[in-house]
C-alpha atoms as a PDB file:
ATOM      1  CA  UNK A   1     140.793  71.796 104.634  1.00  0.00           C
ATOM      2  CA  UNK A   2     141.289  74.078 107.526  1.00  0.00           C
ATOM      3  CA  UNK A   3     138.012  76.465 107.866  1.00  0.00           C
ATOM      4  CA  UNK A   4     138.681  79.670 109.410  1.00  0.00           C
ATOM      5  CA  UNK A   5     136.452  83.036 110.269  1.00  0.00           C
ATOM      6  CA  UNK A   6     139.551  85.680 111.004  1.00  0.00           C
ATOM      7  CA  UNK A   7     138.685  88.547 112.051  1.00  0.00           C
ATOM      8  CA  UNK A   8     135.341  88.993 110.883  1.00  0.00           C
ATOM      9  CA  UNK A   9     133.730  89.768 114.240  1.00  0.00           C
ATOM     10  CA  UNK A  10     136.670  92.550 114.417  1.00  0.00           C
ATOM     11  CA  UNK A  11     136.286  93.924 111.530  1.00  0.00           C
ATOM     12  CA  UNK A  12     132.164  93.759 111.653  1.00  0.00           C
ATOM     13  CA  UNK A  13     132.430  95.714 114.907  1.00  0.00           C
ATOM     14  CA  UNK A  14     134.756  98.379 113.256  1.00  0.00           C
ATOM     15  CA  UNK A  15     132.087  98.581 110.325  1.00  0.00           C
ATOM     16  CA  UNK A  16     129.222  98.573 112.691  1.00  0.00           C
ATOM     17  CA  UNK A  17     130.924 101.286 114.745  1.00  0.00           C
ATOM     18  CA  UNK A  18     131.744 103.530 111.135  1.00  0.00           C
ATOM     19  CA  UNK A  19     128.319 103.268 109.767  1.00  0.00           C
ATOM     20  CA  UNK A  20     126.763 103.710 113.015  1.00  0.00           C
ATOM     21  CA  UNK A  21     129.074 107.593 113.374  1.00  0.00           C
ATOM     22  CA  UNK A  22     128.231 108.289 109.759  1.00  0.00           C
ATOM     23  CA  UNK A  23     123.939 107.438 109.701  1.00  0.00           C
ATOM     24  CA  UNK A  24     123.352 109.443 113.007  1.00  0.00           C
ATOM     25  CA  UNK A  25     120.396 111.801 111.914  1.00  0.00           C
ATOM     26  CA  UNK A  26     119.361 110.084 108.928  1.00  0.00           C
ATOM     27  CA  UNK A  27     116.187 110.119 107.395  1.00  0.00           C
ATOM     28  CA  UNK A  28     114.450 106.714 106.622  1.00  0.00           C
ATOM     29  CA  UNK A  29     111.175 106.325 105.013  1.00  0.00           C
ATOM     30  CA  UNK A  30     109.453 102.672 105.397  1.00  0.00           C
ATOM     31  CA  UNK A  31     106.587 101.905 102.654  1.00  0.00           C
ATOM     32  CA  UNK A  32     104.127  99.575 104.033  1.00  0.00           C
ATOM     33  CA  UNK A  33     104.453  98.156 108.365  1.00  0.00           C
ATOM     34  CA  UNK A  34     103.600  94.721 107.753  1.00  0.00           C
ATOM     35  CA  UNK A  35     105.747  92.059 109.243  1.00  0.00           C
ATOM     36  CA  UNK A  36     108.804  92.824 107.512  1.00  0.00           C
ATOM     37  CA  UNK A  37     108.298  96.621 107.738  1.00  0.00           C
ATOM     38  CA  UNK A  38     108.119  96.332 111.929  1.00  0.00           C
ATOM     39  CA  UNK A  39     111.184  94.118 111.412  1.00  0.00           C
ATOM     40  CA  UNK A  40     113.881  96.237 109.590  1.00  0.00           C
ATOM     41  CA  UNK A  41     112.108  99.323 111.411  1.00  0.00           C
ATOM     42  CA  UNK A  42     112.946  97.276 114.926  1.00  0.00           C
ATOM     43  CA  UNK A  43     116.698  96.637 113.722  1.00  0.00           C
ATOM     44  CA  UNK A  44     117.398  99.918 112.263  1.00  0.00           C
ATOM     45  CA  UNK A  45     116.149 101.465 115.684  1.00  0.00           C
ATOM     46  CA  UNK A  46     118.364  98.868 117.321  1.00  0.00           C
ATOM     47  CA  UNK A  47     121.708  99.698 115.173  1.00  0.00           C
ATOM     48  CA  UNK A  48     120.966 103.385 115.505  1.00  0.00           C
ATOM     49  CA  UNK A  49     118.751 105.393 117.641  1.00  0.00           C
ATOM     50  CA  UNK A  50     118.932 108.761 116.405  1.00  0.00           C
ATOM     51  CA  UNK A  51     117.236 107.378 113.272  1.00  0.00           C
ATOM     52  CA  UNK A  52     114.562 109.587 111.997  1.00  0.00           C
ATOM     53  CA  UNK A  53     111.590 107.378 110.490  1.00  0.00           C
ATOM     54  CA  UNK A  54     108.394 108.169 108.431  1.00  0.00           C
ATOM     55  CA  UNK A  55     106.107 105.516 107.581  1.00  0.00           C
ATOM     56  CA  UNK A  56     103.685 105.491 104.480  1.00  0.00           C
ATOM     57  CA  UNK A  57     100.769 103.306 105.689  1.00  0.00           C
ATOM     58  CA  UNK A  58      96.973 103.524 103.506  1.00  0.00           C
ATOM     59  CA  UNK A  59      95.539 101.123 106.795  1.00  0.00           C
ATOM     60  CA  UNK A  60      94.087 104.366 109.044  1.00  0.00           C
ATOM     61  CA  UNK A  61      93.094 101.360 111.895  1.00  0.00           C
ATOM     62  CA  UNK A  62      97.085 100.172 111.271  1.00  0.00           C
ATOM     63  CA  UNK A  63      98.369 103.809 111.726  1.00  0.00           C
ATOM     64  CA  UNK A  64      96.374 104.673 115.023  1.00  0.00           C
ATOM     65  CA  UNK A  65      97.503 101.411 116.728  1.00  0.00           C
ATOM     66  CA  UNK A  66     100.884 101.966 115.871  1.00  0.00           C
ATOM     67  CA  UNK A  67     101.705 105.738 116.735  1.00  0.00           C
ATOM     68  CA  UNK A  68     100.752 104.420 119.696  1.00  0.00           C
ATOM     69  CA  UNK A  69     104.135 102.439 120.003  1.00  0.00           C
ATOM     70  CA  UNK A  70     106.442 103.951 116.882  1.00  0.00           C
ATOM     71  CA  UNK A  71     108.340 105.927 116.968  1.00  0.00           C
ATOM     72  CA  UNK A  72     107.645 107.531 113.562  1.00  0.00           C
ATOM     73  CA  UNK A  73     105.855 110.587 111.478  1.00  0.00           C
ATOM     74  CA  UNK A  74     103.135 107.940 109.896  1.00  0.00           C
ATOM     75  CA  UNK A  75     101.390 109.334 106.522  1.00  0.00           C
ATOM     76  CA  UNK A  76      98.446 107.578 104.270  1.00  0.00           C
ATOM     77  CA  UNK A  77     101.077 107.800 100.924  1.00  0.00           C
ATOM     78  CA  UNK A  78     103.194 109.796  99.596  1.00  0.00           C
ATOM     79  CA  UNK A  79     101.768 112.565  98.199  1.00  0.00           C
ATOM     80  CA  UNK A  80     103.254 115.197 100.421  1.00  0.00           C
ATOM     81  CA  UNK A  81     106.539 114.273 101.086  1.00  0.00           C
ATOM     82  CA  UNK A  82     109.070 116.327  98.301  1.00  0.00           C
ATOM     83  CA  UNK A  83     112.128 115.911  99.936  1.00  0.00           C
ATOM     84  CA  UNK A  84     114.123 112.894  99.474  1.00  0.00           C
ATOM     85  CA  UNK A  85     115.240 110.607 101.966  1.00  0.00           C
ATOM     86  CA  UNK A  86     118.466 108.706 102.874  1.00  0.00           C
ATOM     87  CA  UNK A  87     117.732 105.388 102.817  1.00  0.00           C
ATOM     88  CA  UNK A  88     113.451 104.032 101.594  1.00  0.00           C
ATOM     89  CA  UNK A  89     112.783 100.683 102.450  1.00  0.00           C
ATOM     90  CA  UNK A  90     109.595  99.083 100.157  1.00  0.00           C
ATOM     91  CA  UNK A  91     108.173  96.219 101.925  1.00  0.00           C
ATOM     92  CA  UNK A  92     104.477  96.588 100.645  1.00  0.00           C
ATOM     93  CA  UNK A  93     103.065  93.990  98.188  1.00  0.00           C
ATOM     94  CA  UNK A  94     104.477  93.663  95.206  1.00  0.00           C
ATOM     95  CA  UNK A  95     101.984  95.175  92.619  1.00  0.00           C
ATOM     96  CA  UNK A  96     103.438  98.067  93.274  1.00  0.00           C
ATOM     97  CA  UNK A  97     107.010  97.839  93.495  1.00  0.00           C
ATOM     98  CA  UNK A  98     107.744  99.514  90.046  1.00  0.00           C
ATOM     99  CA  UNK A  99     105.867 102.433  91.341  1.00  0.00           C
ATOM    100  CA  UNK A 100     107.269 103.177  94.910  1.00  0.00           C
ATOM    101  CA  UNK A 101     110.661 102.995  92.906  1.00  0.00           C
ATOM    102  CA  UNK A 102     110.042 105.969  90.389  1.00  0.00           C
ATOM    103  CA  UNK A 103     108.440 107.851  93.185  1.00  0.00           C
ATOM    104  CA  UNK A 104     111.685 107.143  95.305  1.00  0.00           C
ATOM    105  CA  UNK A 105     113.364 108.173  92.495  1.00  0.00           C
ATOM    106  CA  UNK A 106     111.843 111.677  91.558  1.00  0.00           C
ATOM    107  CA  UNK A 107     112.207 112.574  95.395  1.00  0.00           C
ATOM    108  CA  UNK A 108     115.754 111.875  94.818  1.00  0.00           C
ATOM    109  CA  UNK A 109     116.163 109.274  97.891  1.00  0.00           C
ATOM    110  CA  UNK A 110     119.892 108.227  97.590  1.00  0.00           C
ATOM    111  CA  UNK A 111     119.145 104.427  98.337  1.00  0.00           C
ATOM    112  CA  UNK A 112     115.648 102.364  97.903  1.00  0.00           C
ATOM    113  CA  UNK A 113     115.410  98.358  99.419  1.00  0.00           C
ATOM    114  CA  UNK A 114     112.856  96.627  98.076  1.00  0.00           C
ATOM    115  CA  UNK A 115     112.018  93.415  99.537  1.00  0.00           C
ATOM    116  CA  UNK A 116     110.972  90.327  97.844  1.00  0.00           C
ATOM    117  CA  UNK A 117     109.163  88.681  95.706  1.00  0.00           C
ATOM    118  CA  UNK A 118     110.684  92.363  93.775  1.00  0.00           C
ATOM    119  CA  UNK A 119     107.305  92.769  91.850  1.00  0.00           C
ATOM    120  CA  UNK A 120     106.767  88.978  90.925  1.00  0.00           C
ATOM    121  CA  UNK A 121     108.132  87.483  87.899  1.00  0.00           C
ATOM    122  CA  UNK A 122     106.409  90.144  85.891  1.00  0.00           C
ATOM    123  CA  UNK A 123     108.536  92.880  86.359  1.00  0.00           C
ATOM    124  CA  UNK A 124     111.737  91.884  83.658  1.00  0.00           C
ATOM    125  CA  UNK A 125     112.203  95.315  81.957  1.00  0.00           C
ATOM    126  CA  UNK A 126     113.055  98.243  84.141  1.00  0.00           C
ATOM    127  CA  UNK A 127     114.321 101.383  82.260  1.00  0.00           C
ATOM    128  CA  UNK A 128     115.693 104.372  84.576  1.00  0.00           C
ATOM    129  CA  UNK A 129     118.573 106.986  84.172  1.00  0.00           C
ATOM    130  CA  UNK A 130     118.877 106.553  88.464  1.00  0.00           C
ATOM    131  CA  UNK A 131     121.889 104.589  88.771  1.00  0.00           C
ATOM    132  CA  UNK A 132     120.726 100.686  89.864  1.00  0.00           C
ATOM    133  CA  UNK A 133     123.770 100.347  91.883  1.00  0.00           C
ATOM    134  CA  UNK A 134     121.901 102.488  94.396  1.00  0.00           C
ATOM    135  CA  UNK A 135     118.642 100.099  94.628  1.00  0.00           C
ATOM    136  CA  UNK A 136     118.388  96.701  96.239  1.00  0.00           C
ATOM    137  CA  UNK A 137     116.746  93.629  96.634  1.00  0.00           C
ATOM    138  CA  UNK A 138     115.933  92.068  99.954  1.00  0.00           C
ATOM    139  CA  UNK A 139     117.894  88.561  99.225  1.00  0.00           C
ATOM    140  CA  UNK A 140     118.059  87.787 102.811  1.00  0.00           C
ATOM    141  CA  UNK A 141     119.630  84.086 102.383  1.00  0.00           C
ATOM    142  CA  UNK A 142     123.190  86.197 101.045  1.00  0.00           C
ATOM    143  CA  UNK A 143     123.673  87.162 104.108  1.00  0.00           C
ATOM    144  CA  UNK A 144     123.637  83.311 106.035  1.00  0.00           C
ATOM    145  CA  UNK A 145     126.944  82.572 107.248  1.00  0.00           C
ATOM    146  CA  UNK A 146     127.201  79.476 105.569  1.00  0.00           C
ATOM    147  CA  UNK A 147     126.636  81.144 102.139  1.00  0.00           C
ATOM    148  CA  UNK A 148     128.809  83.885 103.486  1.00  0.00           C
ATOM    149  CA  UNK A 149     131.723  81.258 102.993  1.00  0.00           C
ATOM    150  CA  UNK A 150     130.953  79.408  99.775  1.00  0.00           C
ATOM    151  CA  UNK A 151     131.581  82.715  98.739  1.00  0.00           C
ATOM    152  CA  UNK A 152     134.198  83.555  99.864  1.00  0.00           C
ATOM    153  CA  UNK A 153     136.044  79.524  99.892  1.00  0.00           C
ATOM    154  CA  UNK A 154     134.355  78.611  96.607  1.00  0.00           C
ATOM    155  CA  UNK A 155     136.089  79.124  93.175  1.00  0.00           C
ATOM    156  CA  UNK A 156     133.323  79.607  90.933  1.00  0.00           C
ATOM    157  CA  UNK A 157     135.227  78.732  87.547  1.00  0.00           C
ATOM    158  CA  UNK A 158     135.654  75.602  89.125  1.00  0.00           C
ATOM    159  CA  UNK A 159     131.689  74.489  89.317  1.00  0.00           C
ATOM    160  CA  UNK A 160     130.138  72.694  86.898  1.00  0.00           C
ATOM    161  CA  UNK A 161     126.785  71.879  88.449  1.00  0.00           C
ATOM    162  CA  UNK A 162     124.430  73.021  91.028  1.00  0.00           C
ATOM    163  CA  UNK A 163     121.113  71.739  92.069  1.00  0.00           C
ATOM    164  CA  UNK A 164     119.059  74.235  94.174  1.00  0.00           C
ATOM    165  CA  UNK A 165     115.904  73.201  96.511  1.00  0.00           C
ATOM    166  CA  UNK A 166     113.736  74.906  98.842  1.00  0.00           C
ATOM    167  CA  UNK A 167     111.003  72.843 101.114  1.00  0.00           C
ATOM    168  CA  UNK A 168     108.340  73.850 103.115  1.00  0.00           C
ATOM    169  CA  UNK A 169     105.043  72.754 104.404  1.00  0.00           C
ATOM    170  CA  UNK A 170     103.944  76.711 103.837  1.00  0.00           C
ATOM    171  CA  UNK A 171     100.659  76.424 101.835  1.00  0.00           C
ATOM    172  CA  UNK A 172      97.589  74.487 103.374  1.00  0.00           C
ATOM    173  CA  UNK A 173      94.815  76.532 102.684  1.00  0.00           C
ATOM    174  CA  UNK A 174      93.695  78.232  99.433  1.00  0.00           C
ATOM    175  CA  UNK A 175      95.382  81.868  99.669  1.00  0.00           C
ATOM    176  CA  UNK A 176      93.738  85.003  98.956  1.00  0.00           C
ATOM    177  CA  UNK A 177      93.722  87.975  96.950  1.00  0.00           C
ATOM    178  CA  UNK A 178      97.479  88.654  95.334  1.00  0.00           C
ATOM    179  CA  UNK A 179      98.963  85.955  97.146  1.00  0.00           C
ATOM    180  CA  UNK A 180      96.977  83.592  94.715  1.00  0.00           C
ATOM    181  CA  UNK A 181      98.221  85.216  91.484  1.00  0.00           C
ATOM    182  CA  UNK A 182     100.798  85.693  89.577  1.00  0.00           C
ATOM    183  CA  UNK A 183     102.449  87.986  91.951  1.00  0.00           C
ATOM    184  CA  UNK A 184     103.220  85.096  94.370  1.00  0.00           C
ATOM    185  CA  UNK A 185     103.609  81.076  93.991  1.00  0.00           C
ATOM    186  CA  UNK A 186     106.535  79.125  95.524  1.00  0.00           C
ATOM    187  CA  UNK A 187     108.616  80.557  92.764  1.00  0.00           C
ATOM    188  CA  UNK A 188     108.099  84.116  93.414  1.00  0.00           C
ATOM    189  CA  UNK A 189     108.007  83.492  97.078  1.00  0.00           C
ATOM    190  CA  UNK A 190     110.888  81.206  98.042  1.00  0.00           C
ATOM    191  CA  UNK A 191     111.896  80.086  94.444  1.00  0.00           C
ATOM    192  CA  UNK A 192     113.317  83.317  93.685  1.00  0.00           C
ATOM    193  CA  UNK A 193     115.583  83.074  97.227  1.00  0.00           C
ATOM    194  CA  UNK A 194     117.548  80.149  95.731  1.00  0.00           C
ATOM    195  CA  UNK A 195     117.686  81.438  92.262  1.00  0.00           C
ATOM    196  CA  UNK A 196     119.439  84.422  93.619  1.00  0.00           C
ATOM    197  CA  UNK A 197     122.004  82.255  95.600  1.00  0.00           C
ATOM    198  CA  UNK A 198     122.981  80.203  92.487  1.00  0.00           C
ATOM    199  CA  UNK A 199     123.209  83.832  90.685  1.00  0.00           C
ATOM    200  CA  UNK A 200     125.445  85.010  93.342  1.00  0.00           C
ATOM    201  CA  UNK A 201     127.299  81.744  94.090  1.00  0.00           C
ATOM    202  CA  UNK A 202     128.500  80.724  90.475  1.00  0.00           C
ATOM    203  CA  UNK A 203     128.687  85.070  88.858  1.00  0.00           C
ATOM    204  CA  UNK A 204     126.092  83.129  85.963  1.00  0.00           C
ATOM    205  CA  UNK A 205     122.913  85.233  85.115  1.00  0.00           C
ATOM    206  CA  UNK A 206     122.501  84.237  81.938  1.00  0.00           C
ATOM    207  CA  UNK A 207     120.334  80.344  81.391  1.00  0.00           C
ATOM    208  CA  UNK A 208     118.685  78.286  78.994  1.00  0.00           C
ATOM    209  CA  UNK A 209     115.902  76.649  79.578  1.00  0.00           C
ATOM    210  CA  UNK A 210     116.250  72.975  79.287  1.00  0.00           C
ATOM    211  CA  UNK A 211     113.189  71.043  81.442  1.00  0.00           C
ATOM    212  CA  UNK A 212     109.851  72.252  83.191  1.00  0.00           C
ATOM    213  CA  UNK A 213     107.645  70.918  85.169  1.00  0.00           C
ATOM    214  CA  UNK A 214     104.456  72.996  87.290  1.00  0.00           C
ATOM    215  CA  UNK A 215     101.772  71.806  89.976  1.00  0.00           C
ATOM    216  CA  UNK A 216      98.904  73.438  90.993  1.00  0.00           C
ATOM    217  CA  UNK A 217      97.451  72.001  94.552  1.00  0.00           C
ATOM    218  CA  UNK A 218      96.457  74.075  96.922  1.00  0.00           C
ATOM    219  CA  UNK A 219      96.294  77.690  94.869  1.00  0.00           C
ATOM    220  CA  UNK A 220      95.699  78.644  91.629  1.00  0.00           C
ATOM    221  CA  UNK A 221      99.071  78.856  90.341  1.00  0.00           C
ATOM    222  CA  UNK A 222     102.249  77.069  91.166  1.00  0.00           C
ATOM    223  CA  UNK A 223     102.883  75.216  94.186  1.00  0.00           C
ATOM    224  CA  UNK A 224     105.219  72.808  93.538  1.00  0.00           C
ATOM    225  CA  UNK A 225     108.076  73.560  90.302  1.00  0.00           C
ATOM    226  CA  UNK A 226     110.660  72.010  88.868  1.00  0.00           C
ATOM    227  CA  UNK A 227     113.638  72.419  86.415  1.00  0.00           C
ATOM    228  CA  UNK A 228     116.716  72.169  84.749  1.00  0.00           C
ATOM    229  CA  UNK A 229     118.644  74.630  82.803  1.00  0.00           C
ATOM    230  CA  UNK A 230     122.003  75.198  81.591  1.00  0.00           C
ATOM    231  CA  UNK A 231     124.013  78.182  82.247  1.00  0.00           C
ATOM    232  CA  UNK A 232     126.330  80.071  79.673  1.00  0.00           C
ATOM    233  CA  UNK A 233     129.304  78.812  80.703  1.00  0.00           C
ATOM    234  CA  UNK A 234     127.719  74.900  80.379  1.00  0.00           C
ATOM    235  CA  UNK A 235     127.148  74.794  84.325  1.00  0.00           C
ATOM    236  CA  UNK A 236     124.379  72.834  84.640  1.00  0.00           C
ATOM    237  CA  UNK A 237     121.467  73.748  87.064  1.00  0.00           C
ATOM    238  CA  UNK A 238     118.880  72.136  88.358  1.00  0.00           C
ATOM    239  CA  UNK A 239     116.052  73.375  91.032  1.00  0.00           C
ATOM    240  CA  UNK A 240     113.365  71.541  93.260  1.00  0.00           C
ATOM    241  CA  UNK A 241     111.077  74.062  94.812  1.00  0.00           C
ATOM    242  CA  UNK A 242     107.965  72.910  96.987  1.00  0.00           C
ATOM    243  CA  UNK A 243     106.265  74.830  99.599  1.00  0.00           C
ATOM    244  CA  UNK A 244     103.107  71.705  99.979  1.00  0.00           C
ATOM    245  CA  UNK A 245     105.810  68.940 101.218  1.00  0.00           C
ATOM    246  CA  UNK A 246     103.617  67.789 103.863  1.00  0.00           C
ATOM    247  CA  UNK A 247     106.336  65.962 105.745  1.00  0.00           C
ATOM    248  CA  UNK A 248     108.693  69.013 106.161  1.00  0.00           C
ATOM    249  CA  UNK A 249     108.449  70.304 109.710  1.00  0.00           C
ATOM    250  CA  UNK A 250     110.075  73.398 108.625  1.00  0.00           C
ATOM    251  CA  UNK A 251     111.078  75.340 106.005  1.00  0.00           C
ATOM    252  CA  UNK A 252     114.807  74.493 104.691  1.00  0.00           C
ATOM    253  CA  UNK A 253     116.661  75.560 101.565  1.00  0.00           C
ATOM    254  CA  UNK A 254     119.601  73.988 100.267  1.00  0.00           C
ATOM    255  CA  UNK A 255     122.521  73.666  97.922  1.00  0.00           C
ATOM    256  CA  UNK A 256     124.524  70.950  96.590  1.00  0.00           C
ATOM    257  CA  UNK A 257     127.405  72.299  94.098  1.00  0.00           C
ATOM    258  CA  UNK A 258     129.514  70.317  92.363  1.00  0.00           C
ATOM    259  CA  UNK A 259     133.229  70.438  91.314  1.00  0.00           C
ATOM    260  CA  UNK A 260     135.187  69.533  88.227  1.00  0.00           C
ATOM    261  CA  UNK A 261     137.421  67.864  90.774  1.00  0.00           C
ATOM    262  CA  UNK A 262     134.905  65.987  91.761  1.00  0.00           C
ATOM    263  CA  UNK A 263     133.989  67.443  94.742  1.00  0.00           C
ATOM    264  CA  UNK A 264     130.524  67.967  96.200  1.00  0.00           C
ATOM    265  CA  UNK A 265     129.583  70.657  98.442  1.00  0.00           C
ATOM    266  CA  UNK A 266     126.370  70.460 100.183  1.00  0.00           C
ATOM    267  CA  UNK A 267     124.538  73.604 101.634  1.00  0.00           C
ATOM    268  CA  UNK A 268     121.719  74.342 103.692  1.00  0.00           C
ATOM    269  CA  UNK A 269     121.208  77.111 106.676  1.00  0.00           C
ATOM    270  CA  UNK A 270     122.625  75.149 109.553  1.00  0.00           C
ATOM    271  CA  UNK A 271     126.523  73.846 107.640  1.00  0.00           C
ATOM    272  CA  UNK A 272     128.360  73.057 104.608  1.00  0.00           C
ATOM    273  CA  UNK A 273     129.536  69.739 104.492  1.00  0.00           C
ATOM    274  CA  UNK A 274     132.798  68.736 101.436  1.00  0.00           C
ATOM    275  CA  UNK A 275     132.003  65.288 100.006  1.00  0.00           C
ATOM    276  CA  UNK A 276     134.568  63.478  97.538  1.00  0.00           C
ATOM    277  CA  UNK A 277     133.161  61.251  94.640  1.00  0.00           C
ATOM    278  CA  UNK A 278     132.297  57.890  96.778  1.00  0.00           C
ATOM    279  CA  UNK A 279     129.633  60.604  98.825  1.00  0.00           C
ATOM    280  CA  UNK A 280     132.376  60.362 102.277  1.00  0.00           C
ATOM    281  CA  UNK A 281     132.663  63.182 103.932  1.00  0.00           C
ATOM    282  CA  UNK A 282     136.207  65.021 103.907  1.00  0.00           C
ATOM    283  CA  UNK A 283     135.434  68.724 106.062  1.00  0.00           C
ATOM    284  CA  UNK A 284     132.066  69.761 107.435  1.00  0.00           C
ATOM    285  CA  UNK A 285     131.812  74.001 108.911  1.00  0.00           C
ATOM    286  CA  UNK A 286     128.374  74.511 111.101  1.00  0.00           C
ATOM    287  CA  UNK A 287     127.170  77.802 111.968  1.00  0.00           C
ATOM    288  CA  UNK A 288     128.239  78.254 114.969  1.00  0.00           C
ATOM    289  CA  UNK A 289     132.082  77.405 113.492  1.00  0.00           C
ATOM    290  CA  UNK A 290     131.081  80.713 111.632  1.00  0.00           C
ATOM    291  CA  UNK A 291     129.672  82.735 114.411  1.00  0.00           C
ATOM    292  CA  UNK A 292     130.016  86.420 114.407  1.00  0.00           C
ATOM    293  CA  UNK A 293     128.040  89.131 116.857  1.00  0.00           C
ATOM    294  CA  UNK A 294     126.018  91.649 115.888  1.00  0.00           C
ATOM    295  CA  UNK A 295     124.792  94.978 117.174  1.00  0.00           C
ATOM    296  CA  UNK A 296     121.251  93.990 117.353  1.00  0.00           C
ATOM    297  CA  UNK A 297     119.705  90.896 116.866  1.00  0.00           C
ATOM    298  CA  UNK A 298     115.942  89.881 115.897  1.00  0.00           C
ATOM    299  CA  UNK A 299     114.757  87.025 113.535  1.00  0.00           C
ATOM    300  CA  UNK A 300     118.441  85.472 113.349  1.00  0.00           C
ATOM    301  CA  UNK A 301     121.407  87.079 112.580  1.00  0.00           C
ATOM    302  CA  UNK A 302     120.797  87.622 108.665  1.00  0.00           C
ATOM    303  CA  UNK A 303     118.202  90.184 108.876  1.00  0.00           C
ATOM    304  CA  UNK A 304     121.063  92.094 111.384  1.00  0.00           C
ATOM    305  CA  UNK A 305     123.530  92.070 108.736  1.00  0.00           C
ATOM    306  CA  UNK A 306     121.370  92.752 105.625  1.00  0.00           C
ATOM    307  CA  UNK A 307     120.730  95.790 107.130  1.00  0.00           C
ATOM    308  CA  UNK A 308     124.112  96.538 108.804  1.00  0.00           C
ATOM    309  CA  UNK A 309     124.972  96.072 104.647  1.00  0.00           C
ATOM    310  CA  UNK A 310     122.533  98.417 103.381  1.00  0.00           C
ATOM    311  CA  UNK A 311     123.694 101.388 106.028  1.00  0.00           C
ATOM    312  CA  UNK A 312     127.419 100.941 104.612  1.00  0.00           C
ATOM    313  CA  UNK A 313     128.546 100.100 101.137  1.00  0.00           C
ATOM    314  CA  UNK A 314     125.980  97.624 100.201  1.00  0.00           C
ATOM    315  CA  UNK A 315     127.977  95.414  98.472  1.00  0.00           C
ATOM    316  CA  UNK A 316     126.753  91.583  99.138  1.00  0.00           C
ATOM    317  CA  UNK A 317     123.339  93.217  98.924  1.00  0.00           C
ATOM    318  CA  UNK A 318     121.285  91.923  95.774  1.00  0.00           C
ATOM    319  CA  UNK A 319     120.939  94.915  92.960  1.00  0.00           C
ATOM    320  CA  UNK A 320     118.114  95.663  91.167  1.00  0.00           C
ATOM    321  CA  UNK A 321     120.086  94.397  87.801  1.00  0.00           C
ATOM    322  CA  UNK A 322     120.245  91.170  90.442  1.00  0.00           C
ATOM    323  CA  UNK A 323     116.693  91.445  90.789  1.00  0.00           C
ATOM    324  CA  UNK A 324     115.834  91.607  87.751  1.00  0.00           C
ATOM    325  CA  UNK A 325     118.072  88.784  86.122  1.00  0.00           C
ATOM    326  CA  UNK A 326     116.222  86.565  88.912  1.00  0.00           C
ATOM    327  CA  UNK A 327     112.933  88.261  87.649  1.00  0.00           C
ATOM    328  CA  UNK A 328     113.421  86.917  83.907  1.00  0.00           C
ATOM    329  CA  UNK A 329     114.773  83.435  84.806  1.00  0.00           C
ATOM    330  CA  UNK A 330     110.957  83.160  86.632  1.00  0.00           C
ATOM    331  CA  UNK A 331     109.480  84.666  83.864  1.00  0.00           C
ATOM    332  CA  UNK A 332     110.982  81.617  81.305  1.00  0.00           C
ATOM    333  CA  UNK A 333     110.346  79.175  84.108  1.00  0.00           C
ATOM    334  CA  UNK A 334     106.630  80.061  84.870  1.00  0.00           C
ATOM    335  CA  UNK A 335     105.697  80.975  80.697  1.00  0.00           C
ATOM    336  CA  UNK A 336     106.774  77.372  79.941  1.00  0.00           C
ATOM    337  CA  UNK A 337     103.794  74.966  78.557  1.00  0.00           C
ATOM    338  CA  UNK A 338     103.594  72.148  81.036  1.00  0.00           C
ATOM    339  CA  UNK A 339     101.571  72.900  83.496  1.00  0.00           C
ATOM    340  CA  UNK A 340      99.645  70.083  85.973  1.00  0.00           C
ATOM    341  CA  UNK A 341      96.881  70.930  87.751  1.00  0.00           C
ATOM    342  CA  UNK A 342      96.706  68.443  91.064  1.00  0.00           C
END
């Protein structure tokens, strides 16, 4: 198999120039200005210097500090913001996501981007007359070059099983606040990324739960989750999420996709390996083989490509319905009874 990326670079630059022209003078609202709010602000500002930013940040101290270095209009809340925005980014704690989405709808905002975890697994129902295609969820791993290659080159109809995992040594001390409650946990915080990738690649959103094992080690919620599932079209799914794994040096996700011809694709952030039935490598493609240039770089190419897609047609973004499907599956897993306390 020959791996090529064709004219990806040229196409992306052309699309960027079109988007930059179309989005000049657009109005962007950011709810919450923590790490992700600042990240998205910096990328969007780098992509289009003419964007007019408005920030809603309830912390008076943080607003005072940010006002010195950030070119934006700052507000403590959105009560006086009556006119719609071209794009709104919600980067707040997840327990107020749905309320802020309603505010965006009532105000007439054109596009709404919600960072994950999208309201926690409890957000399984959402009813609105608003076009859900214009509400996007921030599953950034979709924009990893290896994932995009898999999406374009693997026929989902030939998939018979997918194993997904996310491993890290993230949680060392017991968290506090909402991060030690139902809006957090390894499933919400990192497992949701992998579930979204499985849905994105396979096209499957309906799952029957076969087995679940959950363990609390450091926090009061789920620190380790294992699950086995079957999709509506009989694709076998296994999940393993662990953010208290002490022998892991840095966070890593992985997918293993088995095809009906016996081949297996092993995917992580850095490469895709195609293996035959005896485990020997047929082909390998690395992220550097798929290297692309982006107009502005911060925290990796994935985040910039995500914002470029948001400025454009959003056809690679996770939609509200995608996010709700992830939450419904997480809700099933969390409510399964066989919990283990470490």
